[in-house]
């Protein structure tokens, strides 16, 4: 599981990387947009979330809601409610964005196969939601229910952010090129373990969610980014951080090659943004350290999201 599995046995690793990146942790020369945060994430209060983002130096944050809590197969019969992270839904994200309009934007989400899914998503898109997601459900990526969500994204001209996790969420990653072609007007944003693991051509066992060692170029994720104009990468959470740090030489080239398609997100539930388990702070530091130039790090941390979501700071 994206959050729990990453933390088990990695505290020392993250502490070491935090020290390594410490000098790069704060830089106010340009703003930062965080495209991936959650309200009430693993019990963190919204006041803690506000302070967390401020301490990271984030200027604007997109809040990604969960869907309704339901006992459906698409939520593993309730196990995955709250995005499997106790995250709260549309109304909470909307309310926090209304309270702090200068700091937060909000997304729209719903379990795709509940009867009112389309109406619920459209309700918040009409209120100003800038993205659909986080789409994290136990459904085939080309199922009728998911395709209806893509159609809504197309109709409202908003991106959709998808959590790819083998045999768990958004099944059928190897078939997703068909959806990229069919819904070529929709901007898709890829995220999580299966997304980042499949940068590596040699990832043959999809059950390995956090592969280690040198990366061999040419994996399915890389092909999607190369071949399709409408797919972007959300470099957030433990999966994004581990990708950057497993093979830093490869990561530098990757950041250079896809500098116009990578978006920073934290997807971090750390309460104060100062500990070694704060994915967001460590990601910011790693991006600044590994990006081949300040211009590229600025694109990833600010410029690409500003352009895609039409955000000005």
Protein backbone atom coordinates (compact mmCIF):
# COMPACT_ATOMS: atom_id res chain seq x y z
CA UNK A 1 0.00 0.00 0.00
CA UNK A 2 1.39 3.38 -1.07
CA UNK A 3 1.78 4.93 2.36
CA UNK A 4 2.22 2.12 4.84
CA UNK A 5 4.51 -0.12 2.82
CA UNK A 6 6.83 2.75 1.96
CA UNK A 7 7.29 3.73 5.60
CA UNK A 8 8.04 0.23 6.89
CA UNK A 9 11.78 -0.22 7.12
CA UNK A 10 12.68 3.05 5.37
CA UNK A 11 12.96 5.56 8.23
CA UNK A 12 16.75 5.41 8.32
CA UNK A 13 16.93 5.77 4.54
CA UNK A 14 14.70 8.84 4.57
CA UNK A 15 16.58 10.36 7.49
CA UNK A 16 19.84 10.04 5.58
CA UNK A 17 18.32 11.60 2.47
CA UNK A 18 16.85 14.43 4.53
CA UNK A 19 20.31 15.28 5.81
CA UNK A 20 21.76 15.00 2.31
CA UNK A 21 19.11 17.33 0.91
CA UNK A 22 18.87 19.70 3.87
CA UNK A 23 20.72 22.57 2.21
CA UNK A 24 18.23 22.52 -0.66
CA UNK A 25 15.05 22.37 1.40
CA UNK A 26 14.10 26.07 1.30
CA UNK A 27 14.32 28.31 -1.75
CA UNK A 28 12.02 31.29 -2.12
CA UNK A 29 13.30 32.38 -5.53
CA UNK A 30 10.16 30.99 -7.18
CA UNK A 31 6.77 29.73 -5.97
CA UNK A 32 5.80 26.07 -5.63
CA UNK A 33 2.54 24.43 -6.65
CA UNK A 34 1.64 21.15 -4.96
CA UNK A 35 -0.85 19.24 -7.11
CA UNK A 36 -1.47 16.36 -4.68
CA UNK A 37 -2.67 16.78 -1.11
CA UNK A 38 -5.55 15.45 0.97
CA UNK A 39 -7.70 16.71 3.82
CA UNK A 40 -7.74 14.73 7.09
CA UNK A 41 -4.97 12.55 5.66
CA UNK A 42 -4.34 9.70 8.13
CA UNK A 43 -5.89 11.84 10.86
CA UNK A 44 -3.88 15.00 10.27
CA UNK A 45 -5.98 18.07 11.06
CA UNK A 46 -6.66 20.74 8.48
CA UNK A 47 -4.81 23.30 10.62
CA UNK A 48 -1.78 21.00 10.50
CA UNK A 49 -2.19 20.69 6.73
CA UNK A 50 -2.19 24.48 6.30
CA UNK A 51 0.99 24.77 8.38
CA UNK A 52 2.58 21.80 6.61
CA UNK A 53 2.19 23.47 3.23
CA UNK A 54 3.50 26.79 4.52
CA UNK A 55 6.59 25.15 6.00
CA UNK A 56 7.30 23.39 2.70
CA UNK A 57 7.20 26.74 0.94
CA UNK A 58 4.16 25.84 -1.16
CA UNK A 59 2.20 28.76 -2.57
CA UNK A 60 -0.78 26.87 -4.01
CA UNK A 61 -2.08 23.40 -3.20
CA UNK A 62 -4.64 21.26 -5.00
CA UNK A 63 -6.76 19.23 -2.58
CA UNK A 64 -7.76 15.83 -3.98
CA UNK A 65 -10.93 14.42 -2.40
CA UNK A 66 -11.90 10.82 -1.81
CA UNK A 67 -15.11 9.29 -3.08
CA UNK A 68 -18.13 8.39 -0.99
CA UNK A 69 -17.63 5.62 1.59
CA UNK A 70 -19.37 2.60 0.08
CA UNK A 71 -19.24 -1.16 0.42
CA UNK A 72 -18.46 -1.84 -3.25
CA UNK A 73 -15.97 -4.04 -5.04
CA UNK A 74 -14.44 -0.86 -6.43
CA UNK A 75 -13.51 0.13 -2.86
CA UNK A 76 -12.50 -3.41 -1.88
CA UNK A 77 -15.77 -3.55 0.05
CA UNK A 78 -14.90 -0.54 2.14
CA UNK A 79 -11.21 -1.22 2.71
CA UNK A 80 -10.20 1.51 0.26
CA UNK A 81 -12.71 4.12 1.39
CA UNK A 82 -11.05 7.46 1.99
CA UNK A 83 -8.43 6.58 -0.65
CA UNK A 84 -7.15 4.02 1.87
CA UNK A 85 -5.72 6.99 3.78
CA UNK A 86 -8.69 8.36 5.78
CA UNK A 87 -8.89 11.24 3.30
CA UNK A 88 -12.15 13.13 3.23
CA UNK A 89 -14.37 13.97 0.31
CA UNK A 90 -15.57 16.73 -1.96
CA UNK A 91 -17.34 18.93 0.55
CA UNK A 92 -14.40 19.07 2.99
CA UNK A 93 -11.91 19.94 0.24
CA UNK A 94 -14.27 22.54 -1.19
CA UNK A 95 -14.84 24.12 2.22
CA UNK A 96 -11.12 24.40 2.99
CA UNK A 97 -10.46 25.94 -0.43
CA UNK A 98 -13.24 28.45 0.23
CA UNK A 99 -11.71 29.31 3.61
CA UNK A 100 -8.23 29.82 2.13
CA UNK A 101 -8.83 30.75 -1.51
CA UNK A 102 -5.34 32.20 -1.88
CA UNK A 103 -3.71 28.91 -0.84
CA UNK A 104 -5.93 26.04 -1.97
CA UNK A 105 -7.71 24.74 -5.05
CA UNK A 106 -9.85 21.62 -5.06
CA UNK A 107 -10.63 18.59 -7.18
CA UNK A 108 -13.79 16.56 -7.74
CA UNK A 109 -14.11 12.84 -7.17
CA UNK A 110 -16.53 9.96 -6.73
CA UNK A 111 -16.47 6.19 -6.80
CA UNK A 112 -17.06 5.68 -10.54
CA UNK A 113 -19.62 2.89 -10.30
CA UNK A 114 -21.99 4.38 -7.74
CA UNK A 115 -25.30 5.47 -9.31
CA UNK A 116 -24.79 9.23 -8.82
CA UNK A 117 -21.08 9.36 -9.71
CA UNK A 118 -21.39 11.63 -12.73
CA UNK A 119 -23.71 14.08 -10.97
CA UNK A 120 -21.43 14.29 -7.92
CA UNK A 121 -18.32 14.96 -9.99
CA UNK A 122 -20.09 17.50 -12.17
CA UNK A 123 -21.49 19.31 -9.13
CA UNK A 124 -18.00 20.20 -7.94
CA UNK A 125 -16.62 20.86 -11.41
CA UNK A 126 -19.37 23.46 -11.77
CA UNK A 127 -18.23 24.94 -8.44
CA UNK A 128 -14.72 25.33 -9.84
CA UNK A 129 -12.87 22.05 -9.31
CA UNK A 130 -9.74 22.05 -11.46
CA UNK A 131 -9.12 18.28 -11.68
CA UNK A 132 -10.86 14.91 -11.29
CA UNK A 133 -9.18 12.70 -8.77
CA UNK A 134 -7.46 11.16 -7.12
CA UNK A 135 -8.94 8.27 -9.11
CA UNK A 136 -7.97 5.33 -6.90
CA UNK A 137 -10.48 2.53 -7.36
CA UNK A 138 -10.48 -1.19 -7.97
CA UNK A 139 -11.68 -1.01 -11.57
CA UNK A 140 -10.27 -1.83 -14.99
CA UNK A 141 -8.82 1.34 -16.50
CA UNK A 142 -10.93 0.82 -19.63
CA UNK A 143 -14.15 -0.18 -17.86
CA UNK A 144 -17.38 1.63 -18.83
CA UNK A 145 -17.43 3.39 -15.47
CA UNK A 146 -13.90 4.73 -15.86
CA UNK A 147 -14.57 5.76 -19.43
CA UNK A 148 -17.56 7.75 -18.26
CA UNK A 149 -15.21 9.62 -15.93
CA UNK A 150 -12.84 10.30 -18.84
CA UNK A 151 -15.78 11.63 -20.82
CA UNK A 152 -16.62 14.05 -18.02
CA UNK A 153 -13.00 15.21 -17.93
CA UNK A 154 -13.22 15.82 -21.66
CA UNK A 155 -16.51 17.69 -21.43
CA UNK A 156 -15.23 20.01 -18.68
CA UNK A 157 -11.69 20.27 -20.02
CA UNK A 158 -10.00 19.23 -16.77
CA UNK A 159 -7.21 16.72 -16.15
CA UNK A 160 -7.75 13.43 -14.32
CA UNK A 161 -5.16 12.16 -11.84
CA UNK A 162 -4.88 8.37 -11.61
CA UNK A 163 -3.29 6.17 -8.96
CA UNK A 164 -1.72 3.13 -10.66
CA UNK A 165 -1.14 0.17 -8.36
CA UNK A 166 -0.88 -3.31 -9.80
CA UNK A 167 -3.72 -5.68 -8.95
CA UNK A 168 -5.23 -3.05 -6.67
CA UNK A 169 -6.17 0.23 -8.36
CA UNK A 170 -6.75 1.11 -12.02
CA UNK A 171 -6.11 -2.32 -13.44
CA UNK A 172 -4.77 -2.84 -16.92
CA UNK A 173 -1.87 -0.39 -17.11
CA UNK A 174 -0.55 -2.24 -20.16
CA UNK A 175 -3.80 -1.44 -22.02
CA UNK A 176 -3.99 2.20 -21.07
CA UNK A 177 -2.53 3.35 -24.39
CA UNK A 178 -5.95 2.60 -25.89
CA UNK A 179 -7.56 5.11 -23.53
CA UNK A 180 -4.85 7.70 -24.24
CA UNK A 181 -5.67 7.42 -27.93
CA UNK A 182 -9.43 7.28 -27.55
CA UNK A 183 -9.56 10.25 -25.17
CA UNK A 184 -6.75 12.20 -26.77
CA UNK A 185 -8.31 15.51 -25.71
CA UNK A 186 -8.11 14.53 -22.02
CA UNK A 187 -4.98 15.22 -19.98
CA UNK A 188 -4.14 12.24 -17.80
CA UNK A 189 -1.74 12.46 -14.85
CA UNK A 190 -0.02 9.24 -13.78
CA UNK A 191 0.91 8.57 -10.16
CA UNK A 192 1.99 5.88 -7.71
CA UNK A 193 3.93 2.62 -7.57
CA UNK A 194 3.05 0.92 -10.85
CA UNK A 195 3.48 4.20 -12.70
CA UNK A 196 6.98 4.89 -11.36
CA UNK A 197 8.08 1.26 -11.29
CA UNK A 198 7.37 0.89 -14.98
CA UNK A 199 9.85 3.56 -16.01
CA UNK A 200 12.23 0.59 -15.82
CA UNK A 201 12.12 -1.72 -18.83
CA UNK A 202 13.39 -4.58 -16.68
CA UNK A 203 10.53 -4.54 -14.20
CA UNK A 204 9.14 -7.97 -15.01
CA UNK A 205 7.45 -8.70 -11.68
CA UNK A 206 4.63 -6.20 -11.25
CA UNK A 207 4.15 -7.31 -7.65
CA UNK A 208 7.35 -5.44 -6.78
CA UNK A 209 5.89 -2.03 -5.99
CA UNK A 210 9.12 -0.35 -4.95
CA UNK A 211 11.89 -1.70 -7.20
CA UNK A 212 15.48 -0.87 -6.39
CA UNK A 213 18.75 -0.54 -8.25
CA UNK A 214 19.73 0.85 -11.63
CA UNK A 215 16.99 1.75 -14.12
CA UNK A 216 16.96 0.41 -17.66
CA UNK A 217 15.29 2.92 -19.93
CA UNK A 218 12.34 1.95 -22.12
CA UNK A 219 9.65 0.91 -19.66
CA UNK A 220 5.96 1.34 -20.36
CA UNK A 221 5.69 4.60 -18.41
CA UNK A 222 8.50 6.10 -20.44
CA UNK A 223 6.83 4.97 -23.67
CA UNK A 224 3.57 6.60 -22.63
CA UNK A 225 5.33 9.87 -21.85
CA UNK A 226 7.25 9.72 -25.13
CA UNK A 227 4.41 8.69 -27.40
CA UNK A 228 1.34 10.50 -26.06
CA UNK A 229 0.97 14.25 -25.69
CA UNK A 230 -1.83 13.91 -23.14
CA UNK A 231 -0.08 12.07 -20.31
CA UNK A 232 1.81 13.81 -17.49
CA UNK A 233 3.68 12.50 -14.43
CA UNK A 234 2.85 13.33 -10.80
CA UNK A 235 6.14 12.84 -8.95
CA UNK A 236 4.69 12.56 -5.46
CA UNK A 237 4.59 10.24 -2.45
CA UNK A 238 7.03 7.48 -1.57
CA UNK A 239 6.88 6.04 -5.06
CA UNK A 240 8.02 9.26 -6.72
CA UNK A 241 10.73 9.87 -4.14
CA UNK A 242 12.10 6.35 -4.36
CA UNK A 243 12.19 6.58 -8.14
CA UNK A 244 14.31 9.73 -7.95
CA UNK A 245 16.73 8.26 -5.43
CA UNK A 246 17.16 4.66 -6.68
CA UNK A 247 19.32 5.69 -9.66
CA UNK A 248 20.20 9.36 -9.45
CA UNK A 249 22.10 9.46 -12.73
CA UNK A 250 19.06 8.12 -14.55
CA UNK A 251 16.77 10.47 -12.62
CA UNK A 252 18.77 13.49 -13.79
CA UNK A 253 18.31 12.47 -17.40
CA UNK A 254 14.63 11.70 -16.85
CA UNK A 255 13.99 15.12 -15.32
CA UNK A 256 15.75 16.71 -18.26
CA UNK A 257 13.94 14.67 -20.93
CA UNK A 258 10.46 15.10 -19.48
CA UNK A 259 10.92 18.52 -17.94
CA UNK A 260 7.68 19.77 -19.53
CA UNK A 261 5.58 16.83 -18.31
CA UNK A 262 6.53 16.36 -14.67
CA UNK A 263 4.40 17.90 -11.90
CA UNK A 264 5.36 18.17 -8.25
CA UNK A 265 2.99 16.75 -5.66
CA UNK A 266 3.67 15.92 -2.04
CA UNK A 267 0.95 13.37 -1.18
CA UNK A 268 2.40 13.57 2.30
CA UNK A 269 0.65 13.12 5.64
CA UNK A 270 3.54 14.26 7.83
CA UNK A 271 2.03 16.75 10.31
CA UNK A 272 4.74 19.42 10.38
CA UNK A 273 6.94 19.14 7.22
CA UNK A 274 10.15 18.86 9.23
CA UNK A 275 10.62 15.15 9.81
CA UNK A 276 12.50 12.59 7.69
CA UNK A 277 9.20 10.98 6.69
CA UNK A 278 7.93 14.16 5.01
CA UNK A 279 7.80 13.07 1.38
CA UNK A 280 7.01 16.59 0.23
CA UNK A 281 10.07 18.29 1.70
CA UNK A 282 12.35 15.50 0.58
CA UNK A 283 10.90 15.56 -2.92
CA UNK A 284 11.41 19.31 -3.24
CA UNK A 285 15.00 18.92 -2.09
CA UNK A 286 15.67 16.00 -4.42
CA UNK A 287 14.17 17.76 -7.44
CA UNK A 288 16.28 20.85 -6.82
CA UNK A 289 19.41 18.75 -6.35
CA UNK A 290 18.90 16.45 -9.33
CA UNK A 291 17.35 18.79 -11.90
CA UNK A 292 20.00 19.73 -14.49
CA UNK A 293 19.19 23.43 -14.12
CA UNK A 294 17.23 25.91 -12.03
CA UNK A 295 14.93 26.46 -15.01
CA UNK A 296 14.03 22.76 -15.06
CA UNK A 297 13.42 22.55 -11.32
CA UNK A 298 11.23 25.64 -11.60
CA UNK A 299 9.16 24.00 -14.35
CA UNK A 300 8.62 20.86 -12.25
CA UNK A 301 7.87 22.66 -9.00
CA UNK A 302 5.84 25.49 -10.48
CA UNK A 303 5.74 26.19 -14.20
CA UNK A 304 4.16 23.01 -15.55
CA UNK A 305 1.33 23.03 -13.01
CA UNK A 306 0.81 26.75 -13.52
CA UNK A 307 0.33 26.16 -17.24
CA UNK A 308 -1.76 22.99 -16.99
CA UNK A 309 -4.12 24.20 -14.27
CA UNK A 310 -4.00 27.89 -15.26
CA UNK A 311 -2.73 28.87 -11.82
CA UNK A 312 -0.96 32.15 -11.19
CA UNK A 313 0.87 32.96 -7.97
